[in-house]
């Protein structure tokens, strides 16, 4: 998705997009290291941080 939406000359945007996806992957990956589609969707409905808080208790 990052590659399909990129624009020429937008190096800062590319770096920010990579950083966002890398952070999401590190927070929401499963035990095998994969980022499942349902886990990625939790960012948009704000339930990822609730899940992380419960996991940290």
Protein backbone atom coordinates (compact mmCIF):
# COMPACT_ATOMS: atom_id res chain seq x y z
CA UNK A 1 0.00 0.00 0.00
CA UNK A 2 2.87 2.37 0.70
CA UNK A 3 4.33 1.84 -2.76
CA UNK A 4 1.01 2.20 -4.60
CA UNK A 5 0.26 5.57 -2.97
CA UNK A 6 3.68 7.19 -3.24
CA UNK A 7 4.38 10.39 -5.14
CA UNK A 8 7.62 11.38 -6.85
CA UNK A 9 9.74 13.82 -4.87
CA UNK A 10 7.91 13.27 -1.59
CA UNK A 11 10.80 11.82 0.37
CA UNK A 12 9.57 13.13 3.72
CA UNK A 13 6.16 11.57 3.13
CA UNK A 14 7.75 8.25 2.20
CA UNK A 15 9.86 8.26 5.35
CA UNK A 16 6.86 9.15 7.52
CA UNK A 17 4.75 6.43 5.92
CA UNK A 18 7.46 3.82 6.49
CA UNK A 19 7.85 4.93 10.10
CA UNK A 20 4.08 4.68 10.68
CA UNK A 21 3.87 1.16 9.24
CA UNK A 22 7.00 0.02 11.08
CA UNK A 23 5.59 1.30 14.38
CA UNK A 24 2.23 -0.35 13.70
CA UNK A 25 3.95 -3.62 12.84
CA UNK A 26 6.03 -3.57 16.01
CA UNK A 27 2.96 -2.86 18.17
CA UNK A 28 0.36 -5.11 16.54
CA UNK A 29 2.22 -8.11 15.11
CA UNK A 30 1.16 -11.57 16.17
CA UNK A 31 3.38 -14.19 17.82
CA UNK A 32 4.70 -15.28 14.39
CA UNK A 33 5.70 -11.73 13.45
CA UNK A 34 2.89 -11.07 10.98
CA UNK A 35 0.60 -8.04 10.95
CA UNK A 36 -2.91 -9.41 10.47
CA UNK A 37 -5.51 -7.30 8.67
CA UNK A 38 -7.78 -7.22 11.72
CA UNK A 39 -4.91 -5.97 13.88
CA UNK A 40 -4.15 -3.19 11.39
CA UNK A 41 -7.80 -2.14 11.47
CA UNK A 42 -7.68 -1.67 15.24
CA UNK A 43 -5.66 1.52 14.70
CA UNK A 44 -8.60 3.13 12.93
CA UNK A 45 -11.22 2.25 15.54
CA UNK A 46 -8.87 3.12 18.46
CA UNK A 47 -9.05 -0.32 20.02
CA UNK A 48 -5.34 -1.11 19.51
CA UNK A 49 -4.29 1.01 22.47
CA UNK A 50 -6.99 -0.50 24.69
CA UNK A 51 -5.70 -3.97 23.75
CA UNK A 52 -2.10 -2.93 24.47
CA UNK A 53 -3.11 -1.52 27.86
CA UNK A 54 -4.86 -4.79 28.77
CA UNK A 55 -1.84 -6.80 27.61
CA UNK A 56 0.47 -4.66 29.77
CA UNK A 57 -1.52 -5.18 32.98
